Amino acid sequence: MKIKEAVYDQQQLSLVLPDEAGRLAIMDEPTSIPKNSVILVIVSNQIVDVLDDRQFEAAKAATRVIILTPNWDMMAGYLVEYYRQKYQRSANKDQVIPSEQVKNIASCAGAFDQLLDWLGYSPRKEVEAVKKASKPGKPQHKWSKTLAERPFYVDYQGSKATVYWQKRNQVRIEKGAILSQELPLNKDGSIGFSARLAEKIRQDNQTAITGNQTTEDVILKSVNEMGMFLYYGNTNGWLVLKDDEDKTLNEWTV
């Protein structure tokens, strides 16, 4: 792996991964944490906890932290759970990585895992062997100009919309889209990570929403964000989006 950028000063070592895979930073006294990040808490050179960016206060007692910030289209909450399981650190029984996200999470974690291994933060060999045996590859979805004007349709969980993948990092939802109103909950009745993120995306675009319908086009960064905005996610949006010939966006782009 060739590191795209490395920055070092008295406060941190920051490594930018190639191919927009994310950023790894090592800090002794962190003053802030980027949003959508994973915090590995280090005490006596051992990973003692795995936190998300909202739990920053809990990390201040650490002698060192490693901060993993994935690419913008990856939900760090699932990556947190991946590392809690990997390092056997208090896995959240209510936070289940959806089956359709397992490949994405494994692929995203791959580059981070290699760096963590070089830094000496590997789990026991038998645990690592199980992870490697179950790690599938991630399908690569490639955008092309021919897709920009092709409409795809959503009809899922009460949501309906016409969607265009108009740029690599732009998904446009045409006005008039109907948003799902069925908020998914965890087993204990609490709102899960995906639902909280979906609610934030809706809040960020509230001026374009009246009731459960959009009154103007909404532009988001990814297919994942589109799914959370329309139907709270928790399924593979690449398979939900279909064109007039019933061909999925996944079939068009993999």
C-alpha atoms as a PDB file:
ATOM      1  CA  MET A   1       0.000   0.000   0.000  1.00  0.00           C
ATOM      2  CA  LYS A   2       1.287   3.438  -0.933  1.00  0.00           C
ATOM      3  CA  ILE A   3       0.219   6.140   1.521  1.00  0.00           C
ATOM      4  CA  LYS A   4      -1.227   9.137  -0.307  1.00  0.00           C
ATOM      5  CA  GLU A   5      -0.201  11.675   2.357  1.00  0.00           C
ATOM      6  CA  ALA A   6       1.540  11.600   5.745  1.00  0.00           C
ATOM      7  CA  VAL A   7       1.534  14.490   8.230  1.00  0.00           C
ATOM      8  CA  TYR A   8       3.492  14.470  11.458  1.00  0.00           C
ATOM      9  CA  ASP A   9       3.772  17.045  14.225  1.00  0.00           C
ATOM     10  CA  GLN A  10       3.979  17.060  18.016  1.00  0.00           C
ATOM     11  CA  GLN A  11       0.266  16.320  18.356  1.00  0.00           C
ATOM     12  CA  GLN A  12      -0.362  13.548  15.841  1.00  0.00           C
ATOM     13  CA  LEU A  13       0.646  11.290  13.007  1.00  0.00           C
ATOM     14  CA  SER A  14      -1.930  11.370  10.208  1.00  0.00           C
ATOM     15  CA  LEU A  15      -1.946   9.006   7.226  1.00  0.00           C
ATOM     16  CA  VAL A  16      -4.223   9.495   4.219  1.00  0.00           C
ATOM     17  CA  LEU A  17      -4.956   6.203   2.445  1.00  0.00           C
ATOM     18  CA  PRO A  18      -5.021   5.886  -1.352  1.00  0.00           C
ATOM     19  CA  ASP A  19      -8.168   5.512  -3.472  1.00  0.00           C
ATOM     20  CA  GLU A  20     -10.232   7.583  -1.018  1.00  0.00           C
ATOM     21  CA  ALA A  21     -10.094   4.717   1.481  1.00  0.00           C
ATOM     22  CA  GLY A  22      -9.975   7.082   4.463  1.00  0.00           C
ATOM     23  CA  ARG A  23      -7.571   8.451   7.060  1.00  0.00           C
ATOM     24  CA  LEU A  24      -5.783   6.993  10.094  1.00  0.00           C
ATOM     25  CA  ALA A  25      -4.543   9.333  12.821  1.00  0.00           C
ATOM     26  CA  ILE A  26      -2.607   8.586  16.013  1.00  0.00           C
ATOM     27  CA  MET A  27      -2.866  11.121  18.859  1.00  0.00           C
ATOM     28  CA  ASP A  28      -1.653  11.261  22.434  1.00  0.00           C
ATOM     29  CA  GLU A  29      -3.929  14.119  23.547  1.00  0.00           C
ATOM     30  CA  PRO A  30      -6.820  14.489  21.097  1.00  0.00           C
ATOM     31  CA  THR A  31      -8.708  17.782  21.276  1.00  0.00           C
ATOM     32  CA  SER A  32     -11.340  16.890  18.681  1.00  0.00           C
ATOM     33  CA  ILE A  33     -12.516  13.913  16.648  1.00  0.00           C
ATOM     34  CA  PRO A  34     -13.778  14.057  13.041  1.00  0.00           C
ATOM     35  CA  LYS A  35     -17.410  13.088  12.606  1.00  0.00           C
ATOM     36  CA  ASN A  36     -18.132   9.575  11.340  1.00  0.00           C
ATOM     37  CA  SER A  37     -14.961   8.143  12.916  1.00  0.00           C
ATOM     38  CA  VAL A  38     -13.900   5.107  14.920  1.00  0.00           C
ATOM     39  CA  ILE A  39     -11.803   5.650  18.071  1.00  0.00           C
ATOM     40  CA  LEU A  40      -9.469   2.875  19.214  1.00  0.00           C
ATOM     41  CA  VAL A  41      -8.573   3.586  22.836  1.00  0.00           C
ATOM     42  CA  ILE A  42      -4.977   2.655  23.696  1.00  0.00           C
ATOM     43  CA  VAL A  43      -3.701   2.101  27.254  1.00  0.00           C
ATOM     44  CA  SER A  44      -0.263   0.585  27.866  1.00  0.00           C
ATOM     45  CA  ASN A  45       0.006  -0.120  24.140  1.00  0.00           C
ATOM     46  CA  GLN A  46      -3.150  -2.268  24.188  1.00  0.00           C
ATOM     47  CA  ILE A  47      -6.536  -1.586  22.579  1.00  0.00           C
ATOM     48  CA  VAL A  48      -8.882  -1.457  25.578  1.00  0.00           C
ATOM     49  CA  ASP A  49     -12.006  -0.027  23.953  1.00  0.00           C
ATOM     50  CA  VAL A  50     -13.593   0.916  20.626  1.00  0.00           C
ATOM     51  CA  LEU A  51     -15.798   4.039  20.525  1.00  0.00           C
ATOM     52  CA  ASP A  52     -17.606   6.189  17.990  1.00  0.00           C
ATOM     53  CA  ASP A  53     -17.013   9.934  17.631  1.00  0.00           C
ATOM     54  CA  ARG A  54     -19.984  10.778  19.886  1.00  0.00           C
ATOM     55  CA  GLN A  55     -18.188   9.037  22.774  1.00  0.00           C
ATOM     56  CA  PHE A  56     -15.142  11.286  22.561  1.00  0.00           C
ATOM     57  CA  GLU A  57     -15.301  12.278  26.237  1.00  0.00           C
ATOM     58  CA  ALA A  58     -14.852   8.628  27.239  1.00  0.00           C
ATOM     59  CA  ALA A  59     -11.584   8.488  25.284  1.00  0.00           C
ATOM     60  CA  LYS A  60      -9.866  11.340  27.123  1.00  0.00           C
ATOM     61  CA  ALA A  61      -8.465   9.013  29.805  1.00  0.00           C
ATOM     62  CA  ALA A  62      -6.530   7.081  27.184  1.00  0.00           C
ATOM     63  CA  THR A  63      -2.772   7.388  26.887  1.00  0.00           C
ATOM     64  CA  ARG A  64      -3.208   7.318  23.107  1.00  0.00           C
ATOM     65  CA  VAL A  65      -5.989   6.981  20.546  1.00  0.00           C
ATOM     66  CA  ILE A  66      -6.061   5.771  16.963  1.00  0.00           C
ATOM     67  CA  ILE A  67      -8.753   7.461  14.903  1.00  0.00           C
ATOM     68  CA  LEU A  68     -10.069   5.731  11.785  1.00  0.00           C
ATOM     69  CA  THR A  69     -12.103   7.973   9.475  1.00  0.00           C
ATOM     70  CA  PRO A  70     -13.533   6.068   6.491  1.00  0.00           C
ATOM     71  CA  ASN A  71     -14.617   7.531   3.166  1.00  0.00           C
ATOM     72  CA  TRP A  72     -17.754   9.721   3.184  1.00  0.00           C
ATOM     73  CA  ASP A  73     -20.065   6.951   1.939  1.00  0.00           C
ATOM     74  CA  MET A  74     -19.262   4.498   4.759  1.00  0.00           C
ATOM     75  CA  MET A  75     -21.215   4.528   8.034  1.00  0.00           C
ATOM     76  CA  ALA A  76     -18.639   4.428  10.831  1.00  0.00           C
ATOM     77  CA  GLY A  77     -21.158   2.956  13.284  1.00  0.00           C
ATOM     78  CA  TYR A  78     -20.932  -0.420  11.559  1.00  0.00           C
ATOM     79  CA  LEU A  79     -17.143  -0.095  11.430  1.00  0.00           C
ATOM     80  CA  VAL A  80     -17.155   0.464  15.201  1.00  0.00           C
ATOM     81  CA  GLU A  81     -19.010  -2.806  15.660  1.00  0.00           C
ATOM     82  CA  TYR A  82     -16.576  -4.577  13.315  1.00  0.00           C
ATOM     83  CA  TYR A  83     -13.620  -3.514  15.487  1.00  0.00           C
ATOM     84  CA  ARG A  84     -15.405  -4.290  18.738  1.00  0.00           C
ATOM     85  CA  GLN A  85     -15.812  -7.831  17.483  1.00  0.00           C
ATOM     86  CA  LYS A  86     -12.311  -7.992  16.036  1.00  0.00           C
ATOM     87  CA  TYR A  87     -10.631  -6.915  19.276  1.00  0.00           C
ATOM     88  CA  GLN A  88     -13.257  -8.577  21.503  1.00  0.00           C
ATOM     89  CA  ARG A  89     -14.231  -5.288  23.131  1.00  0.00           C
ATOM     90  CA  SER A  90     -17.827  -5.212  24.447  1.00  0.00           C
ATOM     91  CA  ALA A  91     -19.737  -5.813  21.219  1.00  0.00           C
ATOM     92  CA  ASN A  92     -23.164  -4.149  21.167  1.00  0.00           C
ATOM     93  CA  LYS A  93     -25.726  -6.961  20.950  1.00  0.00           C
ATOM     94  CA  ASP A  94     -28.318  -4.550  19.526  1.00  0.00           C
ATOM     95  CA  GLN A  95     -25.985  -3.233  16.807  1.00  0.00           C
ATOM     96  CA  VAL A  96     -26.053  -5.870  14.093  1.00  0.00           C
ATOM     97  CA  ILE A  97     -24.171  -5.272  10.852  1.00  0.00           C
ATOM     98  CA  PRO A  98     -26.764  -5.848   8.091  1.00  0.00           C
ATOM     99  CA  SER A  99     -25.861  -8.735   5.803  1.00  0.00           C
ATOM    100  CA  GLU A 100     -25.758  -6.440   2.765  1.00  0.00           C
ATOM    101  CA  GLN A 101     -23.193  -4.228   4.539  1.00  0.00           C
ATOM    102  CA  VAL A 102     -20.793  -7.011   5.567  1.00  0.00           C
ATOM    103  CA  LYS A 103     -18.850  -6.859   2.277  1.00  0.00           C
ATOM    104  CA  ASN A 104     -18.609  -3.063   2.394  1.00  0.00           C
ATOM    105  CA  ILE A 105     -17.392  -3.036   5.992  1.00  0.00           C
ATOM    106  CA  ALA A 106     -14.828  -5.798   5.384  1.00  0.00           C
ATOM    107  CA  SER A 107     -13.472  -3.978   2.330  1.00  0.00           C
ATOM    108  CA  CYS A 108     -13.290  -0.632   4.137  1.00  0.00           C
ATOM    109  CA  ALA A 109     -11.585  -2.214   7.154  1.00  0.00           C
ATOM    110  CA  GLY A 110      -9.036  -4.046   4.996  1.00  0.00           C
ATOM    111  CA  ALA A 111      -6.713  -1.073   4.473  1.00  0.00           C
ATOM    112  CA  PHE A 112      -7.014   0.010   8.121  1.00  0.00           C
ATOM    113  CA  ASP A 113      -6.342  -3.553   9.305  1.00  0.00           C
ATOM    114  CA  GLN A 114      -3.099  -3.692   7.344  1.00  0.00           C
ATOM    115  CA  LEU A 115      -1.843  -0.480   8.948  1.00  0.00           C
ATOM    116  CA  LEU A 116      -2.950  -1.589  12.407  1.00  0.00           C
ATOM    117  CA  ASP A 117      -1.094  -4.862  11.899  1.00  0.00           C
ATOM    118  CA  TRP A 118       2.103  -2.981  10.998  1.00  0.00           C
ATOM    119  CA  LEU A 119       1.623  -0.808  14.084  1.00  0.00           C
ATOM    120  CA  GLY A 120       1.403  -3.940  16.240  1.00  0.00           C
ATOM    121  CA  TYR A 121      -2.318  -3.885  17.035  1.00  0.00           C
ATOM    122  CA  SER A 122      -3.423  -7.292  15.784  1.00  0.00           C
ATOM    123  CA  PRO A 123      -5.886  -9.573  17.589  1.00  0.00           C
ATOM    124  CA  ARG A 124      -4.951 -13.130  18.503  1.00  0.00           C
ATOM    125  CA  LYS A 125      -4.027 -15.222  15.467  1.00  0.00           C
ATOM    126  CA  GLU A 126      -6.935 -17.617  15.851  1.00  0.00           C
ATOM    127  CA  VAL A 127      -9.419 -14.733  15.878  1.00  0.00           C
ATOM    128  CA  GLU A 128      -7.761 -13.165  12.837  1.00  0.00           C
ATOM    129  CA  ALA A 129      -7.904 -16.498  10.976  1.00  0.00           C
ATOM    130  CA  VAL A 130     -11.677 -16.684  11.454  1.00  0.00           C
ATOM    131  CA  LYS A 131     -12.091 -13.112  10.190  1.00  0.00           C
ATOM    132  CA  LYS A 132     -10.002 -13.764   7.083  1.00  0.00           C
ATOM    133  CA  ALA A 133     -11.890 -16.940   6.287  1.00  0.00           C
ATOM    134  CA  SER A 134     -15.230 -15.126   6.374  1.00  0.00           C
ATOM    135  CA  LYS A 135     -14.160 -11.899   4.635  1.00  0.00           C
ATOM    136  CA  PRO A 136     -15.783 -11.591   1.195  1.00  0.00           C
ATOM    137  CA  GLY A 137     -14.807  -9.088  -1.465  1.00  0.00           C
ATOM    138  CA  LYS A 138     -16.724  -5.873  -2.051  1.00  0.00           C
ATOM    139  CA  PRO A 139     -18.402  -5.295  -5.404  1.00  0.00           C
ATOM    140  CA  GLN A 140     -17.028  -2.235  -7.167  1.00  0.00           C
ATOM    141  CA  HIS A 141     -19.731   0.093  -8.490  1.00  0.00           C
ATOM    142  CA  LYS A 142     -18.410   2.239 -11.322  1.00  0.00           C
ATOM    143  CA  TRP A 143     -20.143   5.438 -12.387  1.00  0.00           C
ATOM    144  CA  SER A 144     -20.232   6.418 -16.055  1.00  0.00           C
ATOM    145  CA  LYS A 145     -21.674   9.353 -17.979  1.00  0.00           C
ATOM    146  CA  THR A 146     -24.203   7.060 -19.660  1.00  0.00           C
ATOM    147  CA  LEU A 147     -25.888   6.631 -16.258  1.00  0.00           C
ATOM    148  CA  ALA A 148     -26.310  10.345 -15.564  1.00  0.00           C
ATOM    149  CA  GLU A 149     -29.573  10.674 -17.513  1.00  0.00           C
ATOM    150  CA  ARG A 150     -30.969   7.198 -16.835  1.00  0.00           C
ATOM    151  CA  PRO A 151     -33.808   7.221 -14.284  1.00  0.00           C
ATOM    152  CA  PHE A 152     -33.993   4.565 -11.603  1.00  0.00           C
ATOM    153  CA  TYR A 153     -37.009   3.983  -9.414  1.00  0.00           C
ATOM    154  CA  VAL A 154     -37.584   3.203  -5.746  1.00  0.00           C
ATOM    155  CA  ASP A 155     -40.693   1.437  -4.473  1.00  0.00           C
ATOM    156  CA  TYR A 156     -39.741   0.082  -1.074  1.00  0.00           C
ATOM    157  CA  GLN A 157     -41.077   0.175   2.505  1.00  0.00           C
ATOM    158  CA  GLY A 158     -43.671   2.794   1.625  1.00  0.00           C
ATOM    159  CA  SER A 159     -41.197   5.054  -0.162  1.00  0.00           C
ATOM    160  CA  LYS A 160     -41.396   5.934  -3.847  1.00  0.00           C
ATOM    161  CA  ALA A 161     -38.994   8.027  -5.883  1.00  0.00           C
ATOM    162  CA  THR A 162     -37.248   8.630  -9.178  1.00  0.00           C
ATOM    163  CA  VAL A 163     -33.482   8.747  -8.724  1.00  0.00           C
ATOM    164  CA  TYR A 164     -30.503   9.685 -10.906  1.00  0.00           C
ATOM    165  CA  TRP A 165     -26.876   8.798 -10.141  1.00  0.00           C
ATOM    166  CA  GLN A 166     -25.763  11.962 -11.907  1.00  0.00           C
ATOM    167  CA  LYS A 167     -22.142  12.148 -10.721  1.00  0.00           C
ATOM    168  CA  ARG A 168     -19.764   9.822  -8.925  1.00  0.00           C
ATOM    169  CA  ASN A 169     -20.589  11.456  -5.588  1.00  0.00           C
ATOM    170  CA  GLN A 170     -24.020  12.893  -6.403  1.00  0.00           C
ATOM    171  CA  VAL A 171     -27.341  11.070  -6.295  1.00  0.00           C
ATOM    172  CA  ARG A 172     -30.361  13.231  -7.215  1.00  0.00           C
ATOM    173  CA  ILE A 173     -33.835  12.397  -5.947  1.00  0.00           C
ATOM    174  CA  GLU A 174     -36.519  14.088  -8.040  1.00  0.00           C
ATOM    175  CA  LYS A 175     -39.076  16.243  -6.251  1.00  0.00           C
ATOM    176  CA  GLY A 176     -42.318  14.472  -5.408  1.00  0.00           C
ATOM    177  CA  ALA A 177     -40.561  11.551  -3.716  1.00  0.00           C
ATOM    178  CA  ILE A 178     -42.537   9.867  -0.927  1.00  0.00           C
ATOM    179  CA  LEU A 179     -40.565   9.116   2.249  1.00  0.00           C
ATOM    180  CA  SER A 180     -41.091   6.051   4.413  1.00  0.00           C
ATOM    181  CA  GLN A 181     -42.583   6.901   7.811  1.00  0.00           C
ATOM    182  CA  GLU A 182     -41.871   3.555   9.501  1.00  0.00           C
ATOM    183  CA  LEU A 183     -38.905   4.252  11.776  1.00  0.00           C
ATOM    184  CA  PRO A 184     -36.955   1.004  12.453  1.00  0.00           C
ATOM    185  CA  LEU A 185     -36.090   0.372  16.099  1.00  0.00           C
ATOM    186  CA  ASN A 186     -33.638  -1.834  17.974  1.00  0.00           C
ATOM    187  CA  LYS A 187     -34.904  -4.800  19.984  1.00  0.00           C
ATOM    188  CA  ASP A 188     -35.019  -2.655  23.129  1.00  0.00           C
ATOM    189  CA  GLY A 189     -37.153  -0.027  21.405  1.00  0.00           C
ATOM    190  CA  SER A 190     -34.328   2.483  20.966  1.00  0.00           C
ATOM    191  CA  ILE A 191     -33.489   4.170  17.667  1.00  0.00           C
ATOM    192  CA  GLY A 192     -30.611   2.432  15.878  1.00  0.00           C
ATOM    193  CA  PHE A 193     -27.554   4.033  14.306  1.00  0.00           C
ATOM    194  CA  SER A 194     -28.895   3.904  10.742  1.00  0.00           C
ATOM    195  CA  ALA A 195     -32.193   5.459  11.768  1.00  0.00           C
ATOM    196  CA  ARG A 196     -30.441   8.271  13.655  1.00  0.00           C
ATOM    197  CA  LEU A 197     -28.256   8.988  10.647  1.00  0.00           C
ATOM    198  CA  ALA A 198     -31.314   8.891   8.372  1.00  0.00           C
ATOM    199  CA  GLU A 199     -33.134  11.360  10.604  1.00  0.00           C
ATOM    200  CA  LYS A 200     -30.122  13.686  10.439  1.00  0.00           C
ATOM    201  CA  ILE A 201     -30.071  13.504   6.628  1.00  0.00           C
ATOM    202  CA  ARG A 202     -33.773  14.368   6.555  1.00  0.00           C
ATOM    203  CA  GLN A 203     -33.188  17.210   9.012  1.00  0.00           C
ATOM    204  CA  ASP A 204     -30.404  18.576   6.800  1.00  0.00           C
ATOM    205  CA  ASN A 205     -32.864  18.615   3.873  1.00  0.00           C
ATOM    206  CA  GLN A 206     -35.989  19.668   5.777  1.00  0.00           C
ATOM    207  CA  THR A 207     -36.610  22.701   3.546  1.00  0.00           C
ATOM    208  CA  ALA A 208     -37.279  20.276   0.675  1.00  0.00           C
ATOM    209  CA  ILE A 209     -39.812  18.181   2.627  1.00  0.00           C
ATOM    210  CA  THR A 210     -43.480  18.809   3.340  1.00  0.00           C
ATOM    211  CA  GLY A 211     -45.172  16.061   5.314  1.00  0.00           C
ATOM    212  CA  ASN A 212     -43.812  12.817   3.874  1.00  0.00           C
ATOM    213  CA  GLN A 213     -43.098  14.169   0.382  1.00  0.00           C
ATOM    214  CA  THR A 214     -40.298  16.210  -1.172  1.00  0.00           C
ATOM    215  CA  THR A 215     -41.180  19.506  -2.827  1.00  0.00           C
ATOM    216  CA  GLU A 216     -37.866  19.967  -4.630  1.00  0.00           C
ATOM    217  CA  ASP A 217     -34.965  17.867  -5.849  1.00  0.00           C
ATOM    218  CA  VAL A 218     -32.660  16.516  -3.136  1.00  0.00           C
ATOM    219  CA  ILE A 219     -29.006  15.814  -3.912  1.00  0.00           C
ATOM    220  CA  LEU A 220     -27.100  13.394  -1.679  1.00  0.00           C
ATOM    221  CA  LYS A 221     -23.562  12.000  -1.754  1.00  0.00           C
ATOM    222  CA  SER A 222     -24.178   8.294  -2.237  1.00  0.00           C
ATOM    223  CA  VAL A 223     -26.626   5.467  -2.829  1.00  0.00           C
ATOM    224  CA  ASN A 224     -26.376   4.623   0.885  1.00  0.00           C
ATOM    225  CA  GLU A 225     -27.468   8.145   1.854  1.00  0.00           C
ATOM    226  CA  MET A 226     -30.295   7.955  -0.680  1.00  0.00           C
ATOM    227  CA  GLY A 227     -31.557   4.744   0.942  1.00  0.00           C
ATOM    228  CA  MET A 228     -31.417   6.195   4.445  1.00  0.00           C
ATOM    229  CA  PHE A 229     -33.197   9.363   3.322  1.00  0.00           C
ATOM    230  CA  LEU A 230     -36.029   7.533   1.545  1.00  0.00           C
ATOM    231  CA  TYR A 231     -36.573   4.370   3.630  1.00  0.00           C
ATOM    232  CA  TYR A 232     -34.116   4.464   6.585  1.00  0.00           C
ATOM    233  CA  GLY A 233     -31.634   2.151   4.859  1.00  0.00           C
ATOM    234  CA  ASN A 234     -31.036  -1.349   6.227  1.00  0.00           C
ATOM    235  CA  THR A 235     -31.085  -2.902   2.762  1.00  0.00           C
ATOM    236  CA  ASN A 236     -28.908  -2.817  -0.343  1.00  0.00           C
ATOM    237  CA  GLY A 237     -29.849   0.322  -2.284  1.00  0.00           C
ATOM    238  CA  TRP A 238     -27.979  -0.907  -5.362  1.00  0.00           C
ATOM    239  CA  LEU A 239     -30.606  -3.656  -5.624  1.00  0.00           C
ATOM    240  CA  VAL A 240     -33.575  -1.448  -4.715  1.00  0.00           C
ATOM    241  CA  LEU A 241     -32.937   1.012  -7.561  1.00  0.00           C
ATOM    242  CA  LYS A 242     -34.363  -0.375 -10.831  1.00  0.00           C
ATOM    243  CA  ASP A 243     -34.816   1.122 -14.296  1.00  0.00           C
ATOM    244  CA  ASP A 244     -37.737   0.807 -16.745  1.00  0.00           C
ATOM    245  CA  GLU A 245     -36.490  -2.651 -17.751  1.00  0.00           C
ATOM    246  CA  ASP A 246     -36.392  -3.850 -14.124  1.00  0.00           C
ATOM    247  CA  LYS A 247     -32.588  -3.885 -14.262  1.00  0.00           C
ATOM    248  CA  THR A 248     -30.966  -2.876 -10.979  1.00  0.00           C
ATOM    249  CA  LEU A 249     -28.331  -0.197 -10.573  1.00  0.00           C
ATOM    250  CA  ASN A 250     -26.111  -2.989  -9.277  1.00  0.00           C
ATOM    251  CA  GLU A 251     -26.392  -4.800 -12.632  1.00  0.00           C
ATOM    252  CA  TRP A 252     -25.575  -1.595 -14.493  1.00  0.00           C
ATOM    253  CA  THR A 253     -22.475  -0.723 -12.482  1.00  0.00           C
ATOM    254  CA  VAL A 254     -20.681  -3.822 -11.146  1.00  0.00           C
END
